[in-house]
Protein backbone atom coordinates (compact mmCIF):
# COMPACT_ATOMS: atom_id res chain seq x y z
CA MET A 1 111.10 51.76 114.53
CA ARG A 2 113.08 49.59 117.26
CA LEU A 3 115.16 52.88 117.66
CA GLU A 4 112.19 55.01 118.45
CA LEU A 5 110.83 52.46 121.06
CA GLY A 6 114.13 51.93 122.95
CA ASP A 7 114.79 48.27 121.79
CA TYR A 8 118.51 49.38 120.78
CA ALA A 9 120.15 46.27 120.63
CA ALA A 10 118.25 45.29 117.75
CA ALA A 11 118.70 48.52 116.16
CA TRP A 12 122.26 48.20 116.47
CA ASN A 13 122.30 45.08 114.57
CA ASP A 14 119.97 46.96 111.71
CA TYR A 15 122.79 49.87 111.52
CA ASN A 16 125.40 47.33 111.15
CA ARG A 17 123.55 45.70 108.52
CA MET A 18 122.74 48.66 106.59
CA VAL A 19 126.12 50.35 106.29
CA THR A 20 127.09 47.03 105.12
CA LEU A 21 124.47 46.93 102.73
CA ARG A 22 124.85 50.48 101.53
CA PRO A 23 128.28 52.16 102.48
CA ASP A 24 127.84 55.88 101.51
CA ALA A 25 127.22 59.13 103.23
CA GLN A 26 123.85 58.38 104.11
CA SER A 27 124.30 55.37 106.10
CA TYR A 28 127.56 56.98 107.44
CA ALA A 29 126.02 59.62 109.06
CA ARG A 30 123.03 57.34 110.44
CA VAL A 31 126.08 55.02 111.83
CA ALA A 32 127.27 58.08 113.30
CA HIS A 33 124.08 58.67 115.46
CA ALA A 34 124.09 55.28 116.58
CA LEU A 35 127.41 55.54 117.83
CA GLU A 36 126.87 58.62 119.46
CA LEU A 37 123.58 56.82 121.17
CA ARG A 38 126.20 54.45 122.60
CA GLY A 39 128.68 57.15 123.98
CA GLU A 40 131.05 56.74 121.75
CA SER A 41 131.83 60.32 120.29
CA GLU A 42 134.98 60.01 118.97
CA PRO A 43 134.27 57.34 116.56
CA ALA A 44 131.15 59.16 115.85
CA LEU A 45 132.98 61.78 114.78
CA ARG A 46 135.13 59.66 112.13
CA VAL A 47 132.51 58.22 110.84
CA LEU A 48 130.86 61.80 110.28
CA GLU A 49 134.16 62.76 108.48
CA MET A 50 133.61 59.49 106.47
CA ALA A 51 130.30 60.79 105.51
CA ARG A 52 131.63 64.35 104.45
CA GLU A 53 134.72 62.58 102.19
CA ALA A 54 132.06 60.52 100.75
CA THR A 55 129.72 63.45 99.72
CA SER A 56 130.06 65.24 96.36
CA ALA A 57 131.83 68.54 96.23
CA HIS A 58 128.75 69.52 93.89
CA ASP A 59 126.17 69.10 96.35
CA PRO A 60 126.14 71.96 98.91
CA GLU A 61 122.94 71.19 100.25
CA ALA A 62 124.09 67.61 101.27
CA LEU A 63 127.35 69.00 102.74
CA ALA A 64 126.00 71.50 104.65
CA TRP A 65 123.60 68.31 106.13
CA ILE A 66 126.58 66.57 107.36
CA HIS A 67 128.29 69.96 108.78
CA SER A 68 125.77 70.37 110.86
CA PRO A 69 125.67 67.18 112.78
CA LEU A 70 129.90 67.29 112.93
CA GLY A 71 129.31 70.89 114.73
CA ALA A 72 126.68 69.31 117.09
CA LEU A 73 129.06 66.78 117.67
CA LEU A 74 131.98 68.79 118.06
CA LEU A 75 129.99 70.99 120.45
CA SER A 76 129.50 67.95 122.63
CA LEU A 77 133.13 67.20 122.91
CA GLY A 78 133.51 70.82 124.34
CA ARG A 79 135.30 72.06 121.11
CA VAL A 80 133.34 75.18 120.74
CA ASP A 81 135.62 76.52 118.10
CA ASP A 82 135.81 73.66 116.18
CA ALA A 83 131.98 73.54 116.11
CA GLU A 84 131.45 77.00 114.96
CA ARG A 85 133.97 76.54 111.93
CA GLU A 86 131.84 73.24 110.89
CA LEU A 87 128.54 75.08 111.55
CA ASP A 88 129.76 78.57 109.85
CA ARG A 89 131.03 76.15 106.80
CA ALA A 90 127.16 74.61 106.73
CA ASP A 91 125.70 78.23 106.64
CA LEU A 92 128.31 79.32 103.96
CA LEU A 93 127.51 76.24 101.56
CA PHE A 94 123.80 76.59 102.23
CA PRO A 95 122.70 79.95 103.85
CA ALA A 96 119.95 79.69 106.53
CA HIS A 97 119.04 76.26 106.38
CA PRO A 98 116.91 75.98 109.49
CA TYR A 99 119.06 72.85 110.85
CA VAL A 100 122.03 74.50 110.81
CA ARG A 101 120.47 77.70 112.49
CA ALA A 102 119.06 75.55 115.01
CA GLU A 103 122.46 74.26 115.76
CA GLN A 104 123.80 77.65 115.66
CA LEU A 105 121.53 78.31 118.21
CA ASP A 106 122.41 75.97 120.93
CA LEU A 107 126.22 76.58 120.33
CA ALA A 108 125.48 80.34 120.86
CA VAL A 109 123.64 79.31 124.32
CA GLN A 110 126.04 76.57 125.32
CA ALA A 111 128.89 79.48 124.49
CA GLY A 112 126.98 81.98 127.11
CA ARG A 113 126.39 84.59 123.77
CA PHE A 114 122.96 84.98 124.90
CA ASP A 115 122.40 88.14 122.84
CA THR A 116 123.47 86.59 119.85
CA ALA A 117 121.38 83.29 120.82
CA ARG A 118 117.94 85.54 121.32
CA SER A 119 118.66 87.16 117.80
CA LEU A 120 118.76 83.68 116.34
CA ALA A 121 116.23 82.25 118.21
CA GLU A 122 113.78 85.33 117.55
CA SER A 123 114.50 84.97 113.48
CA LEU A 124 113.85 81.09 113.52
CA PHE A 125 110.66 81.85 115.44
CA ALA A 126 109.35 84.55 112.90
CA ASP A 127 109.97 82.14 110.20
CA THR A 128 108.17 79.10 111.91
CA GLU A 129 106.69 78.93 115.29
CA SER A 130 108.52 75.60 117.37
CA PRO A 131 107.54 74.52 120.61
CA GLU A 132 111.67 73.96 121.31
CA VAL A 133 112.22 77.65 120.13
CA ALA A 134 109.63 78.93 121.90
CA ALA A 135 110.95 77.30 125.06
CA VAL A 136 114.73 78.20 124.29
CA LEU A 137 113.35 82.08 124.21
CA GLY A 138 111.85 81.66 127.21
CA ASP A 139 115.21 80.29 128.90
CA LEU A 140 116.68 83.36 127.49
CA HIS A 141 114.31 85.94 128.82
CA ALA A 142 114.26 84.10 131.98
CA SER A 143 118.05 84.50 132.19
CA ALA A 144 117.72 88.10 131.95
CA GLU A 145 115.34 88.54 134.76
CA ARG A 146 112.40 89.16 132.31
CA LYS A 147 110.00 86.70 133.80
CA GLU A 148 106.83 87.61 132.05
CA ARG A 149 108.12 87.25 128.67
CA ALA A 150 109.55 83.98 129.69
CA HIS A 151 106.57 82.72 131.07
CA GLU A 152 104.75 84.21 127.59
CA TYR A 153 106.95 82.00 125.62
CA TYR A 154 106.37 79.09 127.82
CA GLN A 155 102.90 79.22 127.53
CA ARG A 156 103.26 79.61 123.93
CA ALA A 157 105.63 76.29 123.95
CA ILE A 158 103.27 74.43 125.72
CA GLU A 159 100.31 75.73 123.52
CA LEU A 160 102.29 74.82 120.27
CA GLU A 161 102.97 71.25 121.59
CA ARG A 162 99.53 70.64 122.54
CA ASP A 163 98.06 72.01 118.98
CA GLY A 164 100.36 69.59 117.24
CA TRP A 165 98.54 66.33 119.23
CA GLN A 166 95.29 67.20 117.17
CA TRP A 167 96.68 65.93 113.78
CA GLU A 168 99.35 63.42 115.08
CA GLU A 169 100.20 61.50 117.81
CA ARG A 170 100.19 62.54 121.42
CA GLN A 171 104.12 63.08 122.42
CA PRO A 172 103.62 63.42 126.65
CA ALA A 173 107.41 62.80 127.13
CA ALA A 174 108.03 65.49 124.97
CA LEU A 175 106.30 67.80 127.02
CA ALA A 176 106.77 66.27 130.20
CA ARG A 177 110.88 67.06 129.53
CA MET A 178 110.14 70.75 128.30
CA LEU A 179 108.11 71.23 131.77
CA ALA A 180 110.53 69.37 134.28
CA GLU A 181 113.20 71.20 132.67
CA ARG A 182 112.02 74.47 133.41
CA ASP A 183 110.42 73.24 137.03
CA LEU A 184 106.92 74.11 135.57
CA LEU A 185 103.62 72.27 136.39
CA PRO A 186 105.92 69.41 138.42
CA ASP A 187 102.44 67.16 139.14
CA ALA A 188 101.56 67.36 135.61
CA ALA A 189 104.95 66.48 134.22
CA VAL A 190 105.05 63.53 136.23
CA ALA A 191 102.09 62.13 134.71
CA LEU A 192 102.87 63.03 131.14
CA ALA A 193 106.58 61.42 131.68
CA GLU A 194 104.67 58.29 133.04
CA GLU A 195 102.52 57.93 130.09
CA GLY A 196 104.88 58.45 127.59
CA PHE A 197 107.41 55.90 129.25
CA ARG A 198 104.81 53.27 129.29
CA THR A 199 104.42 53.12 125.66
CA ARG A 200 108.15 53.88 124.71
CA GLN A 201 111.11 53.06 126.82
CA ASP A 202 114.20 55.16 124.63
CA ILE A 203 116.49 56.95 126.63
CA HIS A 204 115.05 60.14 126.14
CA SER A 205 111.82 59.24 127.50
CA ALA A 206 113.35 57.54 130.62
CA ASP A 207 115.25 60.88 130.97
CA ALA A 208 112.00 62.99 130.82
CA LEU A 209 110.76 60.37 133.71
CA ALA A 210 113.79 60.76 135.89
CA TRP A 211 113.81 64.53 136.00
CA ALA A 212 109.84 65.00 136.34
CA TYR A 213 110.57 62.53 139.55
CA PHE A 214 113.43 64.65 140.52
CA ARG A 215 111.64 67.54 140.68
CA VAL A 216 108.96 66.20 142.92
CA GLY A 217 111.33 64.91 145.48
CA ARG A 218 110.98 61.14 144.22
CA LEU A 219 114.83 60.22 144.44
CA GLU A 220 114.53 56.64 144.22
CA ASP A 221 112.42 56.44 141.46
CA ALA A 222 114.35 59.50 139.60
CA ALA A 223 117.65 57.51 140.05
CA ALA A 224 116.01 54.24 138.66
CA ALA A 225 114.68 55.97 135.72
CA SER A 226 117.93 57.80 135.29
CA ALA A 227 120.03 54.20 135.29
CA ARG A 228 117.51 53.27 131.97
CA ALA A 229 118.41 56.83 130.19
CA LEU A 230 122.16 55.89 130.52
CA ARG A 231 121.89 52.20 129.60
CA THR A 232 123.37 53.07 126.32
CA GLY A 233 126.01 54.90 127.18
CA SER A 234 124.75 58.20 125.88
CA ARG A 235 126.93 61.66 126.91
CA HIS A 236 123.70 63.58 125.95
CA ARG A 237 124.39 66.73 127.65
CA ALA A 238 121.01 66.93 129.26
CA VAL A 239 121.09 62.80 130.20
CA ARG A 240 124.40 63.57 131.60
CA TYR A 241 123.47 66.64 133.88
CA HIS A 242 120.44 64.86 135.42
CA ALA A 243 122.03 61.91 136.10
CA GLY A 244 124.38 63.61 137.90
CA ALA A 245 122.24 66.13 139.96
CA ILE A 246 119.97 63.13 140.77
CA PRO A 247 122.46 61.60 143.62
CA HIS A 248 123.66 64.62 144.88
CA ARG A 249 120.16 65.81 145.33
CA ARG A 250 120.70 69.10 143.77
CA ARG A 251 118.11 71.25 142.31
CA ALA A 252 118.79 72.66 138.84
CA ARG A 253 117.84 76.44 138.39
CA PRO A 254 114.11 76.73 137.78
CA HIS A 255 114.22 78.42 134.52
CA CYS A 256 117.91 77.63 132.71
CA GLY A 257 117.21 73.90 132.14
CA SER A 258 119.65 71.52 130.84
CA ARG A 259 120.19 73.89 127.93
CA PHE A 260 122.42 76.24 130.57
CA GLY A 261 123.38 73.01 132.55
CA VAL A 262 126.71 72.56 131.11
CA THR A 263 128.49 74.24 134.08
CA SER A 264 126.64 72.33 136.56
CA LEU A 265 127.07 69.13 134.67
CA ASP A 266 130.87 69.82 134.60
CA ARG A 267 130.83 70.43 138.65
CA VAL A 268 128.97 67.15 139.07
CA GLY A 269 131.96 65.45 137.07
CA PRO A 270 131.05 62.57 134.58
CA SER A 271 128.18 59.98 136.10
CA ARG A 272 129.01 56.25 136.15
CA ARG A 273 128.32 53.99 133.14
CA PRO A 274 126.26 51.36 133.86
CA PRO A 275 127.39 47.54 132.57
CA SER A 276 124.95 46.98 129.29
CA ALA A 277 125.55 43.83 126.93
CA GLY A 278 124.56 46.26 124.38
CA ALA A 279 126.68 49.16 125.29
CA GLY A 280 129.81 48.49 123.80
CA GLY A 281 133.24 49.79 125.18
CA SER A 282 134.65 53.28 125.71
CA GLY A 283 138.07 53.11 124.44
CA SER A 284 139.73 53.95 121.32
CA ARG A 285 138.62 51.06 119.23
CA PRO A 286 135.45 52.18 117.06
CA SER A 287 132.17 50.08 117.31
CA MET A 288 131.51 46.62 115.62
CA LEU A 289 128.72 48.57 114.36
CA LEU A 290 130.98 48.93 111.12
CA GLY A 291 132.11 45.74 110.94
CA ALA A 292 134.86 45.70 108.65
CA LEU A 293 134.33 48.89 107.34
CA ILE A 294 136.28 50.69 109.64
CA ASP A 295 138.52 47.97 111.56
CA ASP A 296 139.45 45.94 108.14
CA THR A 297 140.18 49.09 105.90
CA GLY A 298 141.99 51.67 108.55
CA ALA A 299 140.17 54.01 106.51
CA THR A 300 139.54 56.47 108.93
CA ALA A 301 143.25 57.15 109.16
CA PRO A 302 144.35 60.47 107.45
CA ALA A 303 148.11 58.90 106.45
CA GLU A 304 146.68 55.98 105.36
CA ARG A 305 144.02 57.42 103.23
CA VAL A 306 146.67 59.43 101.36
CA ARG A 307 149.01 56.63 101.04
CA ASP A 308 145.84 54.64 99.60
CA ARG A 309 145.14 57.50 96.78
CA GLU A 310 149.12 57.71 95.88
CA THR A 311 148.88 53.55 95.19
CA VAL A 312 145.58 54.24 93.00
CA GLN A 313 147.82 56.54 91.17
CA ARG A 314 150.48 54.04 90.62
CA VAL A 315 147.89 51.55 89.63
CA ALA A 316 146.59 53.99 87.03
CA GLU A 317 150.35 53.92 85.94
CA GLY A 318 150.01 50.08 85.12
CA ASP A 319 151.62 49.22 88.49
CA ALA A 320 150.77 45.59 89.33
CA ALA A 321 152.58 45.64 92.74
CA ALA A 322 150.27 48.40 93.43
CA LEU A 323 147.01 46.61 92.66
CA ALA A 324 148.37 43.55 95.02
CA ASP A 325 148.64 46.45 97.67
CA ILE A 326 145.56 47.67 97.38
CA TYR A 327 144.13 44.17 97.56
CA ASP A 328 145.82 43.66 100.55
CA GLN A 329 144.30 46.55 102.25
CA HIS A 330 140.97 46.35 101.50
CA GLY A 331 140.39 42.56 100.15
CA ARG A 332 138.98 41.53 103.21
CA ALA A 333 136.07 44.41 103.51
CA VAL A 334 135.29 43.87 100.09
CA PHE A 335 135.00 39.86 100.40
CA GLY A 336 133.19 40.75 103.69
CA LEU A 337 130.72 43.19 101.98
CA ALA A 338 129.97 40.84 99.16
CA LEU A 339 129.15 37.78 101.12
CA ARG A 340 126.77 39.72 103.66
CA VAL A 341 124.88 40.63 100.39
CA LEU A 342 124.92 37.75 98.49
CA GLU A 343 125.38 35.01 101.07
CA ASN A 344 127.19 32.82 98.97
CA GLN A 345 131.20 32.35 99.38
CA GLY A 346 131.78 31.35 95.67
CA ASP A 347 129.80 34.58 94.53
CA ALA A 348 131.61 37.04 96.93
CA GLU A 349 134.67 35.56 95.60
CA ASP A 350 133.88 35.99 91.98
CA VAL A 351 132.79 39.67 92.97
CA VAL A 352 136.09 40.39 94.60
CA GLN A 353 137.85 39.69 91.30
CA GLU A 354 135.68 41.54 89.35
CA VAL A 355 135.95 44.64 92.02
CA PHE A 356 139.63 44.44 91.43
CA ALA A 357 139.70 43.83 87.71
CA GLN A 358 137.75 47.12 87.63
CA ALA A 359 139.78 48.89 89.82
CA TRP A 360 143.07 47.83 87.65
CA SER A 361 140.90 49.17 84.45
CA GLN A 362 139.64 52.46 85.60
CA ALA A 363 141.89 53.57 88.40
CA ARG A 364 142.41 56.20 86.20
CA ARG A 365 138.66 57.43 86.87
CA TYR A 366 139.06 57.55 90.75
CA ASP A 367 138.33 61.16 92.09
CA ALA A 368 139.79 61.54 95.70
CA GLU A 369 137.27 64.37 96.37
CA ARG A 370 134.39 62.12 95.83
CA GLY A 371 135.87 60.28 98.56
CA SER A 372 138.35 57.50 100.34
CA VAL A 373 139.55 54.60 98.03
CA ALA A 374 137.67 52.41 100.65
CA ALA A 375 134.54 53.90 100.00
CA TRP A 376 135.09 53.60 96.09
CA LEU A 377 135.96 49.94 96.54
CA LEU A 378 132.97 49.25 98.67
CA MET A 379 130.65 51.26 96.23
CA ILE A 380 132.12 49.14 93.03
CA ALA A 381 131.46 46.18 95.10
CA ARG A 382 128.08 46.36 96.06
CA SER A 383 127.09 47.45 92.73
CA ARG A 384 128.82 44.42 91.39
CA ALA A 385 126.75 42.25 94.18
CA ILE A 386 123.66 44.02 93.26
CA ASP A 387 124.02 42.70 89.74
CA ARG A 388 124.17 39.38 90.75
CA LEU A 389 121.11 39.53 92.92
CA ARG A 390 119.52 40.55 90.09
CA ALA A 391 120.40 38.14 88.11
CA ARG A 392 119.26 35.45 90.52
CA ARG A 393 115.61 37.69 90.46
CA THR A 394 115.71 36.40 86.51
CA ARG A 395 115.81 32.41 87.17
CA PRO A 396 112.12 30.88 87.99
CA ASP A 397 113.40 28.94 91.07
CA ALA A 398 115.00 31.91 92.77
CA THR A 399 113.75 32.77 96.14
CA PRO A 400 114.48 36.36 97.70
CA SER A 401 116.84 36.24 100.49
CA ALA A 402 116.46 38.59 103.63
CA ALA A 403 119.41 40.51 102.09
CA GLU A 404 117.59 41.09 98.22
CA GLN A 405 114.76 42.29 100.33
CA ALA A 406 116.49 44.68 102.52
CA LEU A 407 118.61 46.31 98.96
CA VAL A 408 115.13 47.25 97.59
CA GLU A 409 113.87 48.90 100.96
CA LEU A 410 115.04 52.48 99.86
CA PRO A 411 113.12 55.72 100.95
CA ASP A 412 109.83 55.64 99.17
CA THR A 413 109.34 59.34 98.72
CA ALA A 414 112.72 59.70 97.15
CA LEU A 415 111.24 59.15 93.88
CA ALA A 416 108.06 61.49 94.37
CA VAL A 417 110.83 64.39 95.23
CA ASP A 418 113.03 63.70 92.30
CA GLN A 419 110.15 64.21 90.08
CA LEU A 420 108.87 67.52 91.93
CA VAL A 421 112.55 68.71 91.31
CA ALA A 422 112.48 67.88 87.63
CA SER A 423 109.06 69.47 87.31
CA ALA A 424 110.52 72.82 89.15
CA GLU A 425 112.00 75.40 87.12
CA SER A 426 114.83 75.79 89.30
CA ALA A 427 116.01 74.57 92.58
CA ALA A 428 114.99 77.75 94.38
CA ARG A 429 111.27 77.45 93.26
CA LEU A 430 111.51 74.02 95.28
CA ARG A 431 113.05 75.58 98.35
CA GLN A 432 110.34 78.45 98.21
CA ALA A 433 107.62 76.04 97.97
CA LEU A 434 109.38 73.65 101.01
CA THR A 435 109.53 76.90 103.10
CA ALA A 436 105.71 77.68 102.71
CA LEU A 437 104.92 73.81 103.89
CA PRO A 438 104.22 73.63 107.67
CA TYR A 439 106.95 73.05 109.67
CA LEU A 440 106.15 69.30 110.83
CA GLN A 441 105.62 68.61 107.18
CA ARG A 442 108.83 70.30 105.78
CA VAL A 443 111.14 68.51 108.39
CA ALA A 444 109.92 64.99 107.85
CA ILE A 445 110.34 65.43 103.84
CA GLU A 446 113.80 66.99 104.43
CA LEU A 447 114.52 64.02 106.04
CA ALA A 448 113.53 61.56 103.50
CA TYR A 449 115.34 63.43 100.70
CA PHE A 450 118.07 65.48 101.60
CA GLU A 451 119.53 62.78 104.08
CA GLY A 452 117.79 59.80 102.19
CA LEU A 453 116.50 58.39 105.57
CA THR A 454 113.28 55.91 105.40
CA HIS A 455 109.84 56.45 106.90
CA THR A 456 110.82 54.15 110.13
CA GLU A 457 114.11 56.20 110.42
CA ILE A 458 112.38 59.55 110.37
CA ALA A 459 109.89 58.40 112.85
CA ALA A 460 112.92 57.03 115.19
CA ARG A 461 114.43 60.53 114.55
CA LEU A 462 111.67 62.68 115.38
CA GLU A 463 110.14 60.28 118.15
CA GLN A 464 106.84 60.25 116.19
CA SER A 465 104.82 56.83 115.09
CA LEU A 466 105.54 55.35 111.54
CA GLY A 467 101.85 56.19 110.39
CA THR A 468 102.19 60.02 111.61
CA ILE A 469 105.24 60.37 109.64
CA LYS A 470 103.84 58.84 106.49
CA ALA A 471 100.53 61.26 106.79
CA ARG A 472 103.25 63.86 107.04
CA ILE A 473 105.20 63.27 104.02
CA ARG A 474 101.92 62.15 102.14
CA THR A 475 100.37 65.73 103.06
CA GLY A 476 103.36 67.34 102.31
CA LEU A 477 104.05 66.16 98.68
CA HIS A 478 100.43 66.73 97.51
CA ARG A 479 100.74 70.24 98.68
CA LEU A 480 104.48 70.78 97.13
CA ARG A 481 102.70 69.21 93.46
CA GLU A 482 100.21 72.01 94.12
CA ALA A 483 102.51 74.70 94.73
CA LEU A 484 104.82 73.69 91.57
CA THR A 485 102.18 72.82 89.13
CA GLU A 486 100.09 76.55 89.60
């Protein structure tokens, strides 16, 4: 919820704690999103690669979920060929996933493959009508000088956005952004953007306000709002394009919007990054959001991962010196995680001993395909630490700490969906039932189950209220149960 409201300093702390308590693929993916918001694209890329390594090769849908944001991030870095390869892998692993298809559409647009983009957009829109895809179809028709068709799709995008407000919280900033990017109804866009920014000060609401002001010629107000949008250091294409255009008093092309603005953004050049206490540096050192996980383990370096795996093989062969090498490399990170979970130095030291004793006895069980040595050791450490927390709960005088409470705050929809999967005859039947759900309900459930996000994190990701997300998931699960028990 803090991310949704634009309270980024507090959100960074939450993400740091999350990855310390639960260092798995889902945590890495969320931290990568936080790093990207801070403009730290290269560290975000390395963390997404860690998420991919921590994902089982036997879970193709989960792997597709990781390849999709990897492709999107590579595209934002201008690495179009690499992005396309990642998205092709995602599509091969789990064909026709809506999120992968949406990223493929974005890539086609950014690469100037407008015929391919139109075909993808029409296919997506035929499956599920959404305001975002309708707006893209309008952009594509406008770029081909088919103004009447463009107008029809823009009108449909507005209708779909407003229709959604009948059963969920109003999203004025989203509609304002769509209107302002296409120079449609500029006065209405300003009113909507101002309404949205009164309740949410996140960077995207600020950017919508900046571009709406720019469209009506309020350049000083636009510059002030743009500075708010830049405060985290984000390198989001639209935010950077708008920030570059405003001081140069340039008008964006009326129908192309920021989706087609990469060339214009390149001409403007990088905008200045304002100082921010929570923004972090822009150098090569990863953000401290990852705490000891990256900086202390060196797990992001491929050469060190290879050396780690070779050392574990030596441990499996009974080489005590190899165990000492692994301890020297990862002992500090294991202790740091245990200490943050247990909040007691003596208990943390005991956990470290247990972790490396288990590594010594079970080194043969280490599977490099399931993740790095660092991830393996940290998962053992977390498991041992949780065991100790559970033991504390059995004592009558034990009072749960903040860490204990945080460890049990897992997504409250995961069990419900697991039960649904178990009751289904096959995963294909569940996918069919999911496809039949309304788009907004399906997205919320997929984020909860396949990415493991909590309700609060889903609300922040989709820029919706927490109550709205809970209602969508509750209604969607009810419909799934009905579909699967017929």
